[in-house]
């Protein structure tokens, strides 16, 4: 049986790494709760060779062929580590995690799983347990998992944890205007969000490899090079959700989800 719990000092204060405590306060705020915030987290990660800080399927000290054929790829030379990925999503289903998909990523040896849509504090709970299950499965397989946002420097994609988000008013008619106002609020707090969105993120958010530059906030429809992306369907229907593409793969999901709710709803 898996158990997820808060950790406190003997005096009853949350320990420094207990980010759930503050997130629970934000999500229990009546203004936030009434908006029923939904999240979909895209958790990217890299499978690394044990004892060598280098992705699986890569020649040690060398490189595979350039990026292009690996994203959502098939075949032994393109989809490296699928047995681990499949075992992980099955374990998540068995554990009751709201896992909604998996895919091979742009860099070989890199994968992604998605959790959501999940409401409020549950998004953080489920991503943490899903990460734990991945650690256990890679351990059995003799492989390490890295959540580093840029595990291989150079002309290779980094690893993020894109956060898809909507509120009740965003999902209802006229929601696109609510989304635009929320994005304006995020722009005003760009620096604060970046500071809380994961360590080493400056190595990933360079303006290249499907990222926006770390110092510049931008948004666009169907734009993978923007800080925040609004889907084409959302624009067409005038309601829906948006995607914050800034969080790094090593972000704390409690911090990111609650911060987005706090900025966009409580402002």
C-alpha atoms as a PDB file:
ATOM      1  CA  UNK A   1       0.000   0.000   0.000  1.00  0.00           C
ATOM      2  CA  UNK A   2       1.360   3.442  -0.968  1.00  0.00           C
ATOM      3  CA  UNK A   3       0.930   6.287   1.498  1.00  0.00           C
ATOM      4  CA  UNK A   4       1.337   9.986   0.670  1.00  0.00           C
ATOM      5  CA  UNK A   5       1.512  12.248   3.700  1.00  0.00           C
ATOM      6  CA  UNK A   6       2.483  15.712   4.941  1.00  0.00           C
ATOM      7  CA  UNK A   7       5.594  15.977   7.124  1.00  0.00           C
ATOM      8  CA  UNK A   8       5.796  18.268  10.182  1.00  0.00           C
ATOM      9  CA  UNK A   9       8.328  19.088  12.897  1.00  0.00           C
ATOM     10  CA  UNK A  10       7.629  17.878  16.482  1.00  0.00           C
ATOM     11  CA  UNK A  11       6.344  21.418  17.146  1.00  0.00           C
ATOM     12  CA  UNK A  12       3.730  20.966  14.414  1.00  0.00           C
ATOM     13  CA  UNK A  13       5.285  23.261  11.800  1.00  0.00           C
ATOM     14  CA  UNK A  14       5.534  22.016   8.206  1.00  0.00           C
ATOM     15  CA  UNK A  15       9.121  20.984   7.354  1.00  0.00           C
ATOM     16  CA  UNK A  16      10.818  23.222   4.707  1.00  0.00           C
ATOM     17  CA  UNK A  17      10.214  20.736   1.874  1.00  0.00           C
ATOM     18  CA  UNK A  18       6.527  20.303   2.757  1.00  0.00           C
ATOM     19  CA  UNK A  19       5.092  22.491  -0.008  1.00  0.00           C
ATOM     20  CA  UNK A  20       1.713  20.763   0.273  1.00  0.00           C
ATOM     21  CA  UNK A  21       0.837  22.698   3.448  1.00  0.00           C
ATOM     22  CA  UNK A  22       0.746  26.102   1.725  1.00  0.00           C
ATOM     23  CA  UNK A  23      -0.823  24.668  -1.441  1.00  0.00           C
ATOM     24  CA  UNK A  24      -3.697  23.223   0.633  1.00  0.00           C
ATOM     25  CA  UNK A  25      -4.378  26.708   2.076  1.00  0.00           C
ATOM     26  CA  UNK A  26      -4.635  28.200  -1.409  1.00  0.00           C
ATOM     27  CA  UNK A  27      -6.824  25.407  -2.792  1.00  0.00           C
ATOM     28  CA  UNK A  28      -9.164  25.563   0.202  1.00  0.00           C
ATOM     29  CA  UNK A  29      -9.707  29.312  -0.251  1.00  0.00           C
ATOM     30  CA  UNK A  30     -13.414  29.715  -1.142  1.00  0.00           C
ATOM     31  CA  UNK A  31     -12.657  31.813  -4.246  1.00  0.00           C
ATOM     32  CA  UNK A  32     -10.313  29.115  -5.565  1.00  0.00           C
ATOM     33  CA  UNK A  33     -12.516  26.170  -4.575  1.00  0.00           C
ATOM     34  CA  UNK A  34     -15.552  27.706  -6.292  1.00  0.00           C
ATOM     35  CA  UNK A  35     -13.569  27.934  -9.561  1.00  0.00           C
ATOM     36  CA  UNK A  36     -12.846  24.142  -9.538  1.00  0.00           C
ATOM     37  CA  UNK A  37      -9.311  24.421 -11.013  1.00  0.00           C
ATOM     38  CA  UNK A  38      -8.268  21.520 -13.277  1.00  0.00           C
ATOM     39  CA  UNK A  39      -4.689  20.599 -14.087  1.00  0.00           C
ATOM     40  CA  UNK A  40      -2.988  18.403 -16.630  1.00  0.00           C
ATOM     41  CA  UNK A  41       0.729  17.957 -15.952  1.00  0.00           C
ATOM     42  CA  UNK A  42       3.061  16.779 -18.729  1.00  0.00           C
ATOM     43  CA  UNK A  43       5.968  15.214 -16.828  1.00  0.00           C
ATOM     44  CA  UNK A  44       9.063  14.770 -19.000  1.00  0.00           C
ATOM     45  CA  UNK A  45      12.038  12.723 -17.803  1.00  0.00           C
ATOM     46  CA  UNK A  46      15.217  11.110 -19.137  1.00  0.00           C
ATOM     47  CA  UNK A  47      16.256   7.482 -18.614  1.00  0.00           C
ATOM     48  CA  UNK A  48      19.970   7.367 -17.765  1.00  0.00           C
ATOM     49  CA  UNK A  49      22.532   4.585 -17.868  1.00  0.00           C
ATOM     50  CA  UNK A  50      23.403   3.380 -14.379  1.00  0.00           C
ATOM     51  CA  UNK A  51      26.827   4.575 -13.205  1.00  0.00           C
ATOM     52  CA  UNK A  52      27.172   6.910 -16.213  1.00  0.00           C
ATOM     53  CA  UNK A  53      25.451  10.301 -16.452  1.00  0.00           C
ATOM     54  CA  UNK A  54      24.364   9.610 -20.033  1.00  0.00           C
ATOM     55  CA  UNK A  55      20.983   8.648 -21.541  1.00  0.00           C
ATOM     56  CA  UNK A  56      20.148   5.006 -22.270  1.00  0.00           C
ATOM     57  CA  UNK A  57      20.623   3.917 -25.875  1.00  0.00           C
ATOM     58  CA  UNK A  58      23.398   6.487 -26.388  1.00  0.00           C
ATOM     59  CA  UNK A  59      26.965   5.284 -27.006  1.00  0.00           C
ATOM     60  CA  UNK A  60      28.986   6.190 -23.884  1.00  0.00           C
ATOM     61  CA  UNK A  61      30.859   9.411 -24.639  1.00  0.00           C
ATOM     62  CA  UNK A  62      29.141   9.619 -28.040  1.00  0.00           C
ATOM     63  CA  UNK A  63      25.895  10.729 -29.598  1.00  0.00           C
ATOM     64  CA  UNK A  64      23.009   9.121 -31.463  1.00  0.00           C
ATOM     65  CA  UNK A  65      21.637  10.490 -34.733  1.00  0.00           C
ATOM     66  CA  UNK A  66      20.192  14.030 -34.513  1.00  0.00           C
ATOM     67  CA  UNK A  67      16.688  14.744 -33.214  1.00  0.00           C
ATOM     68  CA  UNK A  68      13.774  14.221 -35.555  1.00  0.00           C
ATOM     69  CA  UNK A  69      12.708  10.558 -35.701  1.00  0.00           C
ATOM     70  CA  UNK A  70      12.413   9.953 -31.935  1.00  0.00           C
ATOM     71  CA  UNK A  71       9.342  12.006 -30.953  1.00  0.00           C
ATOM     72  CA  UNK A  72       6.430   9.536 -30.534  1.00  0.00           C
ATOM     73  CA  UNK A  73       8.692   7.135 -32.425  1.00  0.00           C
ATOM     74  CA  UNK A  74       8.598   3.356 -32.789  1.00  0.00           C
ATOM     75  CA  UNK A  75      11.418   0.893 -33.328  1.00  0.00           C
ATOM     76  CA  UNK A  76      14.312  -0.326 -31.200  1.00  0.00           C
ATOM     77  CA  UNK A  77      16.654   2.440 -32.387  1.00  0.00           C
ATOM     78  CA  UNK A  78      14.078   5.207 -31.773  1.00  0.00           C
ATOM     79  CA  UNK A  79      11.891   4.245 -28.784  1.00  0.00           C
ATOM     80  CA  UNK A  80      14.487   3.405 -26.155  1.00  0.00           C
ATOM     81  CA  UNK A  81      13.118   2.143 -22.826  1.00  0.00           C
ATOM     82  CA  UNK A  82       9.468   1.572 -23.747  1.00  0.00           C
ATOM     83  CA  UNK A  83       9.265  -1.494 -21.451  1.00  0.00           C
ATOM     84  CA  UNK A  84       9.886   0.841 -18.480  1.00  0.00           C
ATOM     85  CA  UNK A  85       7.333   3.372 -19.749  1.00  0.00           C
ATOM     86  CA  UNK A  86       4.642   0.702 -20.206  1.00  0.00           C
ATOM     87  CA  UNK A  87       5.306  -0.827 -16.775  1.00  0.00           C
ATOM     88  CA  UNK A  88       5.049   2.652 -15.246  1.00  0.00           C
ATOM     89  CA  UNK A  89       1.705   3.613 -16.774  1.00  0.00           C
ATOM     90  CA  UNK A  90       0.227   0.234 -15.787  1.00  0.00           C
ATOM     91  CA  UNK A  91       1.463   0.731 -12.204  1.00  0.00           C
ATOM     92  CA  UNK A  92      -0.105   4.224 -12.189  1.00  0.00           C
ATOM     93  CA  UNK A  93      -3.453   2.843 -13.395  1.00  0.00           C
ATOM     94  CA  UNK A  94      -3.323   0.139 -10.724  1.00  0.00           C
ATOM     95  CA  UNK A  95      -2.551   2.764  -8.044  1.00  0.00           C
ATOM     96  CA  UNK A  96      -5.491   4.957  -9.104  1.00  0.00           C
ATOM     97  CA  UNK A  97      -3.384   7.774 -10.595  1.00  0.00           C
ATOM     98  CA  UNK A  98      -5.238   9.797 -13.250  1.00  0.00           C
ATOM     99  CA  UNK A  99      -2.574   9.064 -15.870  1.00  0.00           C
ATOM    100  CA  UNK A 100      -3.907  10.029 -19.281  1.00  0.00           C
ATOM    101  CA  UNK A 101      -1.067   9.260 -21.669  1.00  0.00           C
ATOM    102  CA  UNK A 102       2.607   8.563 -22.374  1.00  0.00           C
ATOM    103  CA  UNK A 103       4.842   9.369 -25.345  1.00  0.00           C
ATOM    104  CA  UNK A 104       8.424   9.229 -26.518  1.00  0.00           C
ATOM    105  CA  UNK A 105      10.005  12.688 -26.447  1.00  0.00           C
ATOM    106  CA  UNK A 106      12.168  14.647 -28.907  1.00  0.00           C
ATOM    107  CA  UNK A 107      15.512  13.585 -27.397  1.00  0.00           C
ATOM    108  CA  UNK A 108      16.246   9.832 -27.565  1.00  0.00           C
ATOM    109  CA  UNK A 109      15.969   8.203 -24.113  1.00  0.00           C
ATOM    110  CA  UNK A 110      13.549  10.908 -23.016  1.00  0.00           C
ATOM    111  CA  UNK A 111       9.869  10.220 -22.304  1.00  0.00           C
ATOM    112  CA  UNK A 112       6.771  11.890 -20.937  1.00  0.00           C
ATOM    113  CA  UNK A 113       3.692  10.884 -18.996  1.00  0.00           C
ATOM    114  CA  UNK A 114       0.616  13.030 -18.430  1.00  0.00           C
ATOM    115  CA  UNK A 115      -1.452  13.230 -15.251  1.00  0.00           C
ATOM    116  CA  UNK A 116      -4.861  14.840 -15.515  1.00  0.00           C
ATOM    117  CA  UNK A 117      -7.234  16.443 -15.773  1.00  0.00           C
ATOM    118  CA  UNK A 118      -7.127  16.374 -11.964  1.00  0.00           C
ATOM    119  CA  UNK A 119      -8.715  18.898  -9.618  1.00  0.00           C
ATOM    120  CA  UNK A 120      -6.815  21.127  -7.178  1.00  0.00           C
ATOM    121  CA  UNK A 121      -4.437  19.657  -4.610  1.00  0.00           C
ATOM    122  CA  UNK A 122      -4.872  16.169  -6.096  1.00  0.00           C
ATOM    123  CA  UNK A 123      -2.698  17.168  -9.066  1.00  0.00           C
ATOM    124  CA  UNK A 124       0.335  17.587  -6.786  1.00  0.00           C
ATOM    125  CA  UNK A 125      -0.448  14.396  -4.857  1.00  0.00           C
ATOM    126  CA  UNK A 126      -0.760  12.321  -8.003  1.00  0.00           C
ATOM    127  CA  UNK A 127       2.343  13.670  -9.774  1.00  0.00           C
ATOM    128  CA  UNK A 128       4.480  12.974  -6.685  1.00  0.00           C
ATOM    129  CA  UNK A 129       3.227   9.395  -6.355  1.00  0.00           C
ATOM    130  CA  UNK A 130       3.625   8.849 -10.122  1.00  0.00           C
ATOM    131  CA  UNK A 131       7.246  10.034  -9.854  1.00  0.00           C
ATOM    132  CA  UNK A 132       7.812   7.652  -6.944  1.00  0.00           C
ATOM    133  CA  UNK A 133       6.429   4.733  -8.941  1.00  0.00           C
ATOM    134  CA  UNK A 134       8.742   5.653 -11.835  1.00  0.00           C
ATOM    135  CA  UNK A 135      11.746   5.676  -9.477  1.00  0.00           C
ATOM    136  CA  UNK A 136      10.790   2.191  -8.230  1.00  0.00           C
ATOM    137  CA  UNK A 137      10.326   0.763 -11.729  1.00  0.00           C
ATOM    138  CA  UNK A 138      13.601   2.203 -13.065  1.00  0.00           C
ATOM    139  CA  UNK A 139      15.329   0.820  -9.951  1.00  0.00           C
ATOM    140  CA  UNK A 140      14.095  -2.701 -10.824  1.00  0.00           C
ATOM    141  CA  UNK A 141      15.243  -2.179 -14.427  1.00  0.00           C
ATOM    142  CA  UNK A 142      18.758  -1.097 -13.422  1.00  0.00           C
ATOM    143  CA  UNK A 143      18.258   2.340 -14.992  1.00  0.00           C
ATOM    144  CA  UNK A 144      18.265   5.790 -13.386  1.00  0.00           C
ATOM    145  CA  UNK A 145      15.618   8.439 -14.016  1.00  0.00           C
ATOM    146  CA  UNK A 146      16.648  12.089 -14.318  1.00  0.00           C
ATOM    147  CA  UNK A 147      14.305  15.053 -13.870  1.00  0.00           C
ATOM    148  CA  UNK A 148      17.086  17.494 -14.806  1.00  0.00           C
ATOM    149  CA  UNK A 149      15.702  20.188 -17.135  1.00  0.00           C
ATOM    150  CA  UNK A 150      18.698  19.947 -19.486  1.00  0.00           C
ATOM    151  CA  UNK A 151      20.409  16.562 -18.993  1.00  0.00           C
ATOM    152  CA  UNK A 152      22.539  16.871 -22.155  1.00  0.00           C
ATOM    153  CA  UNK A 153      23.905  20.301 -23.134  1.00  0.00           C
ATOM    154  CA  UNK A 154      23.962  21.383 -26.765  1.00  0.00           C
ATOM    155  CA  UNK A 155      21.506  20.817 -29.592  1.00  0.00           C
ATOM    156  CA  UNK A 156      19.146  18.558 -27.625  1.00  0.00           C
ATOM    157  CA  UNK A 157      15.717  19.293 -26.176  1.00  0.00           C
ATOM    158  CA  UNK A 158      15.458  19.885 -22.443  1.00  0.00           C
ATOM    159  CA  UNK A 159      12.851  18.369 -20.121  1.00  0.00           C
ATOM    160  CA  UNK A 160       9.871  20.326 -18.837  1.00  0.00           C
ATOM    161  CA  UNK A 161       6.650  19.798 -16.933  1.00  0.00           C
ATOM    162  CA  UNK A 162       4.121  21.801 -18.903  1.00  0.00           C
ATOM    163  CA  UNK A 163       1.092  22.680 -16.793  1.00  0.00           C
ATOM    164  CA  UNK A 164      -2.299  22.735 -18.509  1.00  0.00           C
ATOM    165  CA  UNK A 165      -4.833  24.703 -16.504  1.00  0.00           C
ATOM    166  CA  UNK A 166      -8.465  25.778 -16.536  1.00  0.00           C
ATOM    167  CA  UNK A 167     -11.090  27.122 -14.160  1.00  0.00           C
ATOM    168  CA  UNK A 168     -14.860  26.771 -14.254  1.00  0.00           C
ATOM    169  CA  UNK A 169     -15.298  30.210 -15.844  1.00  0.00           C
ATOM    170  CA  UNK A 170     -12.599  29.442 -18.446  1.00  0.00           C
ATOM    171  CA  UNK A 171     -14.417  26.246 -19.410  1.00  0.00           C
ATOM    172  CA  UNK A 172     -17.783  28.029 -19.752  1.00  0.00           C
ATOM    173  CA  UNK A 173     -18.972  30.298 -22.583  1.00  0.00           C
ATOM    174  CA  UNK A 174     -16.886  33.470 -22.796  1.00  0.00           C
ATOM    175  CA  UNK A 175     -13.984  31.671 -21.119  1.00  0.00           C
ATOM    176  CA  UNK A 176     -11.388  32.903 -23.619  1.00  0.00           C
ATOM    177  CA  UNK A 177     -11.645  36.439 -22.218  1.00  0.00           C
ATOM    178  CA  UNK A 178     -11.079  35.020 -18.709  1.00  0.00           C
ATOM    179  CA  UNK A 179      -8.051  33.117 -20.051  1.00  0.00           C
ATOM    180  CA  UNK A 180      -6.596  36.308 -21.566  1.00  0.00           C
ATOM    181  CA  UNK A 181      -7.006  38.168 -18.257  1.00  0.00           C
ATOM    182  CA  UNK A 182      -5.341  35.263 -16.415  1.00  0.00           C
ATOM    183  CA  UNK A 183      -2.395  35.347 -18.838  1.00  0.00           C
ATOM    184  CA  UNK A 184      -2.003  39.115 -18.196  1.00  0.00           C
ATOM    185  CA  UNK A 185      -1.787  38.374 -14.457  1.00  0.00           C
ATOM    186  CA  UNK A 186       0.838  35.670 -15.094  1.00  0.00           C
ATOM    187  CA  UNK A 187       2.882  38.143 -17.150  1.00  0.00           C
ATOM    188  CA  UNK A 188       2.960  40.601 -14.240  1.00  0.00           C
ATOM    189  CA  UNK A 189       4.318  37.862 -11.948  1.00  0.00           C
ATOM    190  CA  UNK A 190       6.692  36.288 -14.502  1.00  0.00           C
ATOM    191  CA  UNK A 191       9.846  36.639 -12.374  1.00  0.00           C
ATOM    192  CA  UNK A 192       8.210  35.198  -9.249  1.00  0.00           C
ATOM    193  CA  UNK A 193       6.885  32.201 -11.190  1.00  0.00           C
ATOM    194  CA  UNK A 194      10.213  31.519 -12.924  1.00  0.00           C
ATOM    195  CA  UNK A 195      11.975  31.592  -9.530  1.00  0.00           C
ATOM    196  CA  UNK A 196       9.602  28.872  -8.291  1.00  0.00           C
ATOM    197  CA  UNK A 197       9.414  26.746 -11.444  1.00  0.00           C
ATOM    198  CA  UNK A 198      12.414  24.455 -10.920  1.00  0.00           C
ATOM    199  CA  UNK A 199      16.192  24.485 -10.503  1.00  0.00           C
ATOM    200  CA  UNK A 200      18.467  24.808 -13.534  1.00  0.00           C
ATOM    201  CA  UNK A 201      15.587  26.008 -15.701  1.00  0.00           C
ATOM    202  CA  UNK A 202      17.789  28.729 -17.206  1.00  0.00           C
ATOM    203  CA  UNK A 203      19.697  25.950 -19.021  1.00  0.00           C
ATOM    204  CA  UNK A 204      16.412  24.861 -20.665  1.00  0.00           C
ATOM    205  CA  UNK A 205      14.523  28.130 -21.311  1.00  0.00           C
ATOM    206  CA  UNK A 206      16.833  29.543 -23.980  1.00  0.00           C
ATOM    207  CA  UNK A 207      14.346  30.470 -26.690  1.00  0.00           C
ATOM    208  CA  UNK A 208      15.443  27.379 -28.651  1.00  0.00           C
ATOM    209  CA  UNK A 209      14.221  23.752 -28.669  1.00  0.00           C
ATOM    210  CA  UNK A 210      10.524  24.655 -28.312  1.00  0.00           C
ATOM    211  CA  UNK A 211      10.999  27.007 -25.352  1.00  0.00           C
ATOM    212  CA  UNK A 212      10.574  30.715 -24.678  1.00  0.00           C
ATOM    213  CA  UNK A 213      13.493  32.764 -23.357  1.00  0.00           C
ATOM    214  CA  UNK A 214      13.534  32.732 -19.529  1.00  0.00           C
ATOM    215  CA  UNK A 215      13.619  36.536 -19.243  1.00  0.00           C
ATOM    216  CA  UNK A 216      10.783  37.302 -21.669  1.00  0.00           C
ATOM    217  CA  UNK A 217       7.122  36.473 -21.151  1.00  0.00           C
ATOM    218  CA  UNK A 218       5.140  35.663 -24.286  1.00  0.00           C
ATOM    219  CA  UNK A 219       1.931  33.899 -25.220  1.00  0.00           C
ATOM    220  CA  UNK A 220       0.332  32.754 -28.434  1.00  0.00           C
ATOM    221  CA  UNK A 221      -2.171  30.406 -30.028  1.00  0.00           C
ATOM    222  CA  UNK A 222      -0.652  27.012 -30.910  1.00  0.00           C
ATOM    223  CA  UNK A 223       2.839  28.467 -30.324  1.00  0.00           C
ATOM    224  CA  UNK A 224       5.307  25.986 -28.819  1.00  0.00           C
ATOM    225  CA  UNK A 225       7.924  28.733 -28.524  1.00  0.00           C
ATOM    226  CA  UNK A 226       5.819  30.839 -26.154  1.00  0.00           C
ATOM    227  CA  UNK A 227       5.809  30.967 -22.331  1.00  0.00           C
ATOM    228  CA  UNK A 228       2.068  30.267 -22.376  1.00  0.00           C
ATOM    229  CA  UNK A 229       0.260  28.507 -25.203  1.00  0.00           C
ATOM    230  CA  UNK A 230      -3.463  28.686 -25.924  1.00  0.00           C
ATOM    231  CA  UNK A 231      -4.728  25.744 -27.957  1.00  0.00           C
ATOM    232  CA  UNK A 232      -6.296  26.230 -31.367  1.00  0.00           C
ATOM    233  CA  UNK A 233      -9.490  24.513 -30.176  1.00  0.00           C
ATOM    234  CA  UNK A 234      -9.734  26.888 -27.197  1.00  0.00           C
ATOM    235  CA  UNK A 235      -9.489  29.897 -29.508  1.00  0.00           C
ATOM    236  CA  UNK A 236     -12.027  28.396 -31.926  1.00  0.00           C
ATOM    237  CA  UNK A 237     -14.569  27.502 -29.228  1.00  0.00           C
ATOM    238  CA  UNK A 238     -13.979  30.669 -27.190  1.00  0.00           C
ATOM    239  CA  UNK A 239     -13.417  28.661 -24.005  1.00  0.00           C
ATOM    240  CA  UNK A 240     -11.209  25.910 -22.584  1.00  0.00           C
ATOM    241  CA  UNK A 241      -7.745  25.876 -21.034  1.00  0.00           C
ATOM    242  CA  UNK A 242      -4.194  27.142 -21.504  1.00  0.00           C
ATOM    243  CA  UNK A 243      -0.743  25.639 -21.071  1.00  0.00           C
ATOM    244  CA  UNK A 244       2.046  27.177 -18.983  1.00  0.00           C
ATOM    245  CA  UNK A 245       5.173  25.848 -20.730  1.00  0.00           C
ATOM    246  CA  UNK A 246       7.678  27.385 -18.299  1.00  0.00           C
ATOM    247  CA  UNK A 247       7.907  24.810 -15.447  1.00  0.00           C
ATOM    248  CA  UNK A 248      10.997  22.585 -15.483  1.00  0.00           C
ATOM    249  CA  UNK A 249      10.792  18.791 -15.204  1.00  0.00           C
ATOM    250  CA  UNK A 250      12.078  18.990 -11.591  1.00  0.00           C
ATOM    251  CA  UNK A 251       9.428  21.488 -10.427  1.00  0.00           C
ATOM    252  CA  UNK A 252       7.395  20.855  -7.282  1.00  0.00           C
ATOM    253  CA  UNK A 253       3.831  20.283  -8.537  1.00  0.00           C
ATOM    254  CA  UNK A 254       2.349  21.644  -5.288  1.00  0.00           C
ATOM    255  CA  UNK A 255       4.200  24.942  -5.810  1.00  0.00           C
ATOM    256  CA  UNK A 256       3.386  25.315  -9.510  1.00  0.00           C
ATOM    257  CA  UNK A 257      -0.314  24.366  -9.366  1.00  0.00           C
ATOM    258  CA  UNK A 258      -1.097  26.474  -6.293  1.00  0.00           C
ATOM    259  CA  UNK A 259       0.905  29.438  -7.574  1.00  0.00           C
ATOM    260  CA  UNK A 260      -0.992  29.464 -10.889  1.00  0.00           C
ATOM    261  CA  UNK A 261      -4.307  29.356  -8.978  1.00  0.00           C
ATOM    262  CA  UNK A 262      -3.178  32.095  -6.581  1.00  0.00           C
ATOM    263  CA  UNK A 263      -1.991  34.440  -9.355  1.00  0.00           C
ATOM    264  CA  UNK A 264      -4.938  33.931 -11.712  1.00  0.00           C
ATOM    265  CA  UNK A 265      -7.818  33.672  -9.220  1.00  0.00           C
ATOM    266  CA  UNK A 266      -6.720  35.513  -6.062  1.00  0.00           C
ATOM    267  CA  UNK A 267      -4.430  37.898  -7.950  1.00  0.00           C
END
